[in-house]
Amino acid sequence: MLKLENVEKYYGDFNLNCSMELRPGCITGLIGPNGAGKTTVFKSVLGLITVDGGRITVFGKEPDSLTSQDREDIGVVLADSGFSGYLSIEDIIPVMESLYKKFDKQEFRKKCKEFDLPFQKKIKDFSTGMKAKLKVIAAMSHGARLLILDEPTSGLDVIARDEILDYIRSYMENGERSVLISSHISGDLETLCDDLYLIDGGNLVLHEETDALLGNYCLLKVTEKQYEELDKRYIIKRRKETFGYSCLSDRKQFYLENSPGLVIEKGSIDEVITMMIRGEKI
C-alpha cells in the first residue's frame, strides 16, 4: 500500500533517513517526540516536499506517477492544514463533490451531525476540536483506500477522541484499506494500531507489532547490586535512577522465569518511547 525505502531529507541540521512499509488492511502508528520527523515523513509521502534520496511508492507507484484516481484514493489530515476559515460546512459540500467522484454527501452530513458540527457557522469560529473533527470526517468521506492522519485527535476531549477512533475502526472493516497515523496520545495508538514505528532525530529506532510491544516489552527495576548480577543479553536500553537502574527488555518472559526476585513492570508505549530515546545502550 505504502513503502519508503531509505528516504532522505535534509533541513539544515536535521536529517531524515527512513524506511517503513504500510501493509494492506493494517493501521500503522508513527510515534516520536516533537521535531522527530513525523510530519516530514507525511509530507514526503504526499509529495508536498521533495526528498533528497531513496524511494517512495504509493499503491506500487512513485508519487509523481499517481493518477488523479489514485490521488482520490488517499485521504489526508495534516496538523498544519485545513479548510478556509471563511467557509461553512454547507460551502464545503459542493467543493468536496467537485474534487472527489466517490464523495458520499449523505454520509458526510450524517457524521457532521453525529459530531455536533454546525452547518452554517464559519469554520474560523469553530473550536479547535470542531476543526479537528471536520478534517477527519472530510478525509474519510470519499472512500479512500489509504488514510494519512497526522495528529487527527489533537484538541479533542476524551469522548470525542473515542468517537473518532471508533470511526477509524469502522472505516477499516472492509479489510482493503490502510491507515498511517501519528498521535501524541499513546493510549489512542495502543488500542488502534497493528504495528508501530518510533522515530527520533529523523531515524527510525524501533518497529514492532503493537501486541508484541505491549506483551513482551518490560521494565526491570533493579538495584546496583542486582544490575551487576543481571543477565544483560536481552537488555535494550538502561537508565540510571536513584534506586539503581531501569532496564528495557523485549523478553519479559525470560526475566520472569530466570530472575524471580526482580521488580518487572509491563512497558507502556510512553515508557518504551522514553527508554528508547533517553536510555543508554549497555
Protein backbone atom coordinates (compact mmCIF):
# COMPACT_ATOMS: atom_id res chain seq x y z
CA MET A 1 0.00 0.00 0.00
CA LEU A 2 2.80 2.39 1.00
CA LYS A 3 6.54 1.86 1.13
CA LEU A 4 9.51 4.09 1.96
CA GLU A 5 12.98 2.81 1.15
CA ASN A 6 15.94 4.74 2.59
CA VAL A 7 14.11 8.05 2.15
CA GLU A 8 16.33 11.03 2.96
CA LYS A 9 15.51 14.69 3.54
CA TYR A 10 17.90 17.36 4.80
CA TYR A 11 16.88 20.56 6.62
CA GLY A 12 19.94 22.34 7.98
CA ASP A 13 21.00 20.22 10.96
CA PHE A 14 18.01 17.83 10.62
CA ASN A 15 18.43 14.67 8.55
CA LEU A 16 15.61 12.24 7.81
CA ASN A 17 16.58 8.67 6.97
CA CYS A 18 13.52 6.45 6.92
CA SER A 19 12.43 3.03 5.67
CA MET A 20 8.97 1.73 6.50
CA GLU A 21 6.07 -0.20 5.00
CA LEU A 22 2.31 0.06 5.43
CA ARG A 23 0.54 -3.23 4.75
CA PRO A 24 -2.96 -3.55 3.25
CA GLY A 25 -5.65 -3.83 5.90
CA CYS A 26 -3.43 -2.50 8.70
CA ILE A 27 -3.32 0.60 10.88
CA THR A 28 0.28 1.68 11.41
CA GLY A 29 1.31 4.24 14.02
CA LEU A 30 4.24 6.64 13.69
CA ILE A 31 5.32 7.88 17.11
CA GLY A 32 8.10 10.05 18.46
CA PRO A 33 8.81 13.39 20.19
CA ASN A 34 8.17 16.80 18.64
CA GLY A 35 10.63 17.51 15.85
CA ALA A 36 11.45 13.83 15.37
CA GLY A 37 10.42 13.83 11.70
CA LYS A 38 6.84 12.56 11.69
CA THR A 39 5.38 15.45 9.68
CA THR A 40 8.34 15.35 7.29
CA VAL A 41 7.51 11.69 6.60
CA PHE A 42 3.86 12.54 5.90
CA LYS A 43 4.70 15.43 3.59
CA SER A 44 7.28 13.32 1.75
CA VAL A 45 4.71 10.58 1.14
CA LEU A 46 2.20 13.11 -0.19
CA GLY A 47 4.73 14.77 -2.48
CA LEU A 48 4.38 18.09 -0.66
CA ILE A 49 8.16 18.23 -0.30
CA THR A 50 10.87 16.76 -2.49
CA VAL A 51 13.14 14.15 -0.94
CA ASP A 52 16.91 14.11 -1.29
CA GLY A 53 17.27 10.36 -1.68
CA GLY A 54 15.56 7.00 -1.51
CA ARG A 55 12.28 5.83 -2.98
CA ILE A 56 8.61 6.19 -2.04
CA THR A 57 5.85 4.11 -3.58
CA VAL A 58 2.10 4.52 -3.04
CA PHE A 59 -0.13 1.79 -4.49
CA GLY A 60 3.07 0.47 -6.11
CA LYS A 61 3.74 3.78 -7.90
CA GLU A 62 6.08 6.69 -7.23
CA PRO A 63 4.18 9.83 -6.11
CA ASP A 64 4.70 11.76 -9.36
CA SER A 65 3.23 8.80 -11.30
CA LEU A 66 -0.06 8.70 -9.38
CA THR A 67 -3.15 9.30 -11.49
CA SER A 68 -6.00 11.60 -10.43
CA GLN A 69 -7.97 8.49 -9.43
CA ASP A 70 -5.03 7.27 -7.32
CA ARG A 71 -4.94 10.61 -5.53
CA GLU A 72 -8.66 10.41 -4.83
CA ASP A 73 -7.91 7.12 -3.07
CA ILE A 74 -5.83 8.99 -0.46
CA GLY A 75 -7.49 10.72 2.49
CA VAL A 76 -5.37 13.22 4.39
CA VAL A 77 -5.34 15.04 7.72
CA LEU A 78 -2.32 17.27 8.33
CA ALA A 79 -1.80 19.11 11.60
CA ASP A 80 -0.97 22.43 9.89
CA SER A 81 -3.63 22.49 7.17
CA GLY A 82 -7.40 22.66 6.83
CA PHE A 83 -10.29 24.41 5.13
CA SER A 84 -10.53 28.17 4.70
CA GLY A 85 -11.95 29.76 7.81
CA TYR A 86 -14.44 31.74 5.75
CA LEU A 87 -16.25 28.61 4.54
CA SER A 88 -19.04 26.78 6.28
CA ILE A 89 -19.80 23.06 6.08
CA GLU A 90 -22.55 23.86 3.58
CA ASP A 91 -19.91 25.65 1.46
CA ILE A 92 -17.55 22.67 1.69
CA ILE A 93 -20.01 20.07 0.39
CA PRO A 94 -20.02 21.25 -3.28
CA VAL A 95 -16.23 21.62 -3.14
CA MET A 96 -15.85 18.02 -2.00
CA GLU A 97 -18.32 16.87 -4.66
CA SER A 98 -16.23 18.51 -7.37
CA LEU A 99 -12.95 17.11 -6.05
CA TYR A 100 -13.94 13.51 -5.35
CA LYS A 101 -16.09 11.32 -7.59
CA LYS A 102 -16.83 8.96 -4.68
CA PHE A 103 -17.66 11.69 -2.17
CA ASP A 104 -20.55 10.41 -0.04
CA LYS A 105 -22.57 13.53 0.72
CA GLN A 106 -25.14 11.66 2.78
CA GLU A 107 -22.51 10.01 4.99
CA PHE A 108 -20.62 13.31 5.32
CA ARG A 109 -23.75 15.11 6.51
CA LYS A 110 -24.61 12.25 8.85
CA LYS A 111 -21.18 12.27 10.51
CA CYS A 112 -21.15 16.06 10.86
CA LYS A 113 -24.49 15.83 12.69
CA GLU A 114 -23.25 12.97 14.88
CA PHE A 115 -20.22 15.06 15.87
CA ASP A 116 -22.40 18.14 16.58
CA LEU A 117 -20.83 20.33 13.90
CA PRO A 118 -22.86 23.41 12.84
CA PHE A 119 -23.58 23.52 9.11
CA GLN A 120 -23.93 27.30 8.71
CA LYS A 121 -21.21 28.57 11.06
CA LYS A 122 -17.92 29.77 9.56
CA ILE A 123 -15.01 27.42 10.25
CA LYS A 124 -12.95 30.30 11.66
CA ASP A 125 -15.45 30.38 14.52
CA PHE A 126 -15.13 26.62 15.20
CA SER A 127 -13.32 25.42 18.30
CA THR A 128 -10.04 23.55 17.86
CA GLY A 129 -11.84 20.27 18.50
CA MET A 130 -14.56 21.03 15.96
CA LYS A 131 -11.96 21.79 13.29
CA ALA A 132 -10.19 18.50 14.07
CA LYS A 133 -13.44 16.55 13.74
CA LEU A 134 -14.25 18.17 10.41
CA LYS A 135 -10.84 17.35 8.94
CA VAL A 136 -11.17 13.69 9.88
CA ILE A 137 -14.74 13.40 8.55
CA ALA A 138 -13.71 15.02 5.25
CA ALA A 139 -10.69 12.71 4.87
CA MET A 140 -12.91 9.67 5.32
CA SER A 141 -15.83 10.87 3.19
CA HIS A 142 -14.70 9.70 -0.26
CA GLY A 143 -13.83 6.03 0.18
CA ALA A 144 -10.06 6.44 0.24
CA ARG A 145 -8.02 3.23 0.36
CA LEU A 146 -5.15 4.96 2.18
CA LEU A 147 -5.55 7.39 5.07
CA ILE A 148 -2.65 9.62 6.14
CA LEU A 149 -3.59 11.07 9.53
CA ASP A 150 -1.18 13.45 11.27
CA GLU A 151 -2.39 14.07 14.84
CA PRO A 152 -6.10 13.62 13.93
CA THR A 153 -7.29 13.67 17.56
CA SER A 154 -5.35 16.81 18.54
CA GLY A 155 -7.54 19.18 20.52
CA LEU A 156 -10.29 16.65 21.17
CA ASP A 157 -11.65 15.72 24.57
CA VAL A 158 -11.79 12.09 25.71
CA ILE A 159 -15.31 11.45 24.42
CA ALA A 160 -14.64 12.99 21.00
CA ARG A 161 -11.36 11.07 20.68
CA ASP A 162 -13.14 7.79 21.35
CA GLU A 163 -15.74 8.66 18.71
CA ILE A 164 -13.06 9.42 16.12
CA LEU A 165 -11.14 6.23 16.92
CA ASP A 166 -14.31 4.17 16.62
CA TYR A 167 -14.98 5.86 13.27
CA ILE A 168 -11.49 4.87 12.07
CA ARG A 169 -12.02 1.27 13.23
CA SER A 170 -15.35 1.04 11.40
CA TYR A 171 -13.72 2.52 8.30
CA MET A 172 -11.26 -0.39 8.27
CA GLU A 173 -13.91 -3.12 8.39
CA ASN A 174 -13.84 -3.92 4.67
CA GLY A 175 -10.23 -5.11 5.05
CA GLU A 176 -8.95 -3.33 1.94
CA ARG A 177 -7.92 -0.01 3.47
CA SER A 178 -4.83 1.11 5.36
CA VAL A 179 -4.05 3.93 7.77
CA LEU A 180 -0.81 5.68 8.71
CA ILE A 181 -1.43 7.71 11.86
CA SER A 182 0.57 9.77 14.34
CA SER A 183 -0.57 10.88 17.78
CA HIS A 184 0.94 12.28 20.97
CA ILE A 185 -1.67 10.31 22.92
CA SER A 186 -0.17 6.86 23.25
CA GLY A 187 -3.37 5.31 24.61
CA ASP A 188 -5.05 6.02 21.29
CA LEU A 189 -2.42 4.05 19.41
CA GLU A 190 -2.27 1.16 21.89
CA THR A 191 -5.89 0.29 21.18
CA LEU A 192 -5.90 1.19 17.48
CA CYS A 193 -2.68 0.24 15.70
CA ASP A 194 -1.48 -3.11 14.40
CA ASP A 195 2.15 -2.01 14.43
CA LEU A 196 4.23 0.99 15.48
CA TYR A 197 7.31 2.81 14.20
CA LEU A 198 9.28 5.00 16.62
CA ILE A 199 11.19 7.88 15.03
CA ASP A 200 13.75 10.10 16.77
CA GLY A 201 16.03 12.68 15.20
CA GLY A 202 14.93 11.64 11.72
CA ASN A 203 15.84 7.98 12.25
CA LEU A 204 13.58 5.02 12.93
CA VAL A 205 14.76 3.42 16.15
CA LEU A 206 12.05 0.79 16.64
CA HIS A 207 9.45 -1.12 14.64
CA GLU A 208 7.24 -3.57 16.49
CA GLU A 209 3.82 -5.18 16.34
CA THR A 210 1.66 -3.45 18.95
CA ASP A 211 0.63 -6.72 20.61
CA ALA A 212 4.28 -7.77 20.87
CA LEU A 213 5.30 -4.40 22.29
CA LEU A 214 2.60 -4.47 24.95
CA GLY A 215 3.01 -8.18 25.67
CA ASN A 216 6.76 -8.76 25.53
CA TYR A 217 8.40 -5.47 26.49
CA CYS A 218 9.04 -4.73 30.14
CA LEU A 219 10.95 -2.51 32.53
CA LEU A 220 13.26 -4.11 35.07
CA LYS A 221 13.71 -2.00 38.21
CA VAL A 222 16.99 -3.15 39.73
CA THR A 223 19.41 -2.03 42.40
CA GLU A 224 23.10 -1.52 41.65
CA LYS A 225 23.87 -4.98 43.02
CA GLN A 226 21.06 -6.64 41.04
CA TYR A 227 22.26 -4.88 37.91
CA GLU A 228 25.76 -6.27 38.32
CA GLU A 229 24.37 -9.80 38.59
CA LEU A 230 21.76 -9.36 35.85
CA ASP A 231 21.83 -11.39 32.63
CA LYS A 232 22.08 -8.47 30.19
CA ARG A 233 21.71 -10.38 26.91
CA TYR A 234 18.19 -9.07 26.36
CA ILE A 235 18.55 -5.56 27.75
CA ILE A 236 17.90 -2.98 25.01
CA LYS A 237 18.47 0.25 26.97
CA ARG A 238 19.15 1.25 30.56
CA ARG A 239 18.58 4.43 32.54
CA LYS A 240 20.19 5.45 35.82
CA GLU A 241 17.71 6.01 38.62
CA THR A 242 18.04 6.90 42.33
CA PHE A 243 17.42 3.27 43.31
CA GLY A 244 19.75 1.82 40.67
CA TYR A 245 18.65 1.25 37.06
CA SER A 246 15.57 0.94 34.89
CA CYS A 247 16.26 -1.52 32.09
CA LEU A 248 14.17 -2.00 28.95
CA SER A 249 13.84 -5.51 27.55
CA ASP A 250 11.69 -7.22 24.92
CA ARG A 251 11.98 -10.59 26.71
CA LYS A 252 9.67 -10.21 29.69
CA GLN A 253 9.01 -13.94 29.96
CA PHE A 254 12.74 -14.71 30.08
CA TYR A 255 13.24 -12.49 33.12
CA LEU A 256 10.04 -13.69 34.80
CA GLU A 257 11.34 -17.27 34.55
CA ASN A 258 15.01 -16.64 35.29
CA SER A 259 15.03 -13.65 37.65
CA PRO A 260 12.07 -14.15 40.01
CA GLY A 261 13.36 -11.66 42.59
CA LEU A 262 13.34 -8.64 40.25
CA VAL A 263 10.69 -5.96 40.00
CA ILE A 264 9.36 -6.42 36.46
CA GLU A 265 6.81 -3.93 35.11
CA LYS A 266 4.83 -4.07 31.90
CA GLY A 267 6.14 -1.49 29.43
CA SER A 268 3.63 1.05 28.11
CA ILE A 269 4.19 2.82 24.80
CA ASP A 270 5.19 6.02 26.65
CA GLU A 271 7.73 4.15 28.75
CA VAL A 272 9.19 2.39 25.72
CA ILE A 273 9.49 5.73 23.88
CA THR A 274 11.22 7.32 26.89
CA MET A 275 13.67 4.45 27.32
CA MET A 276 14.47 4.13 23.62
CA ILE A 277 15.18 7.86 23.32
CA ARG A 278 16.64 8.80 26.71
CA GLY A 279 18.10 5.49 27.77
CA GLU A 280 21.65 4.45 27.05
CA LYS A 281 22.99 1.33 25.42
CA ILE A 282 24.97 -1.05 27.57
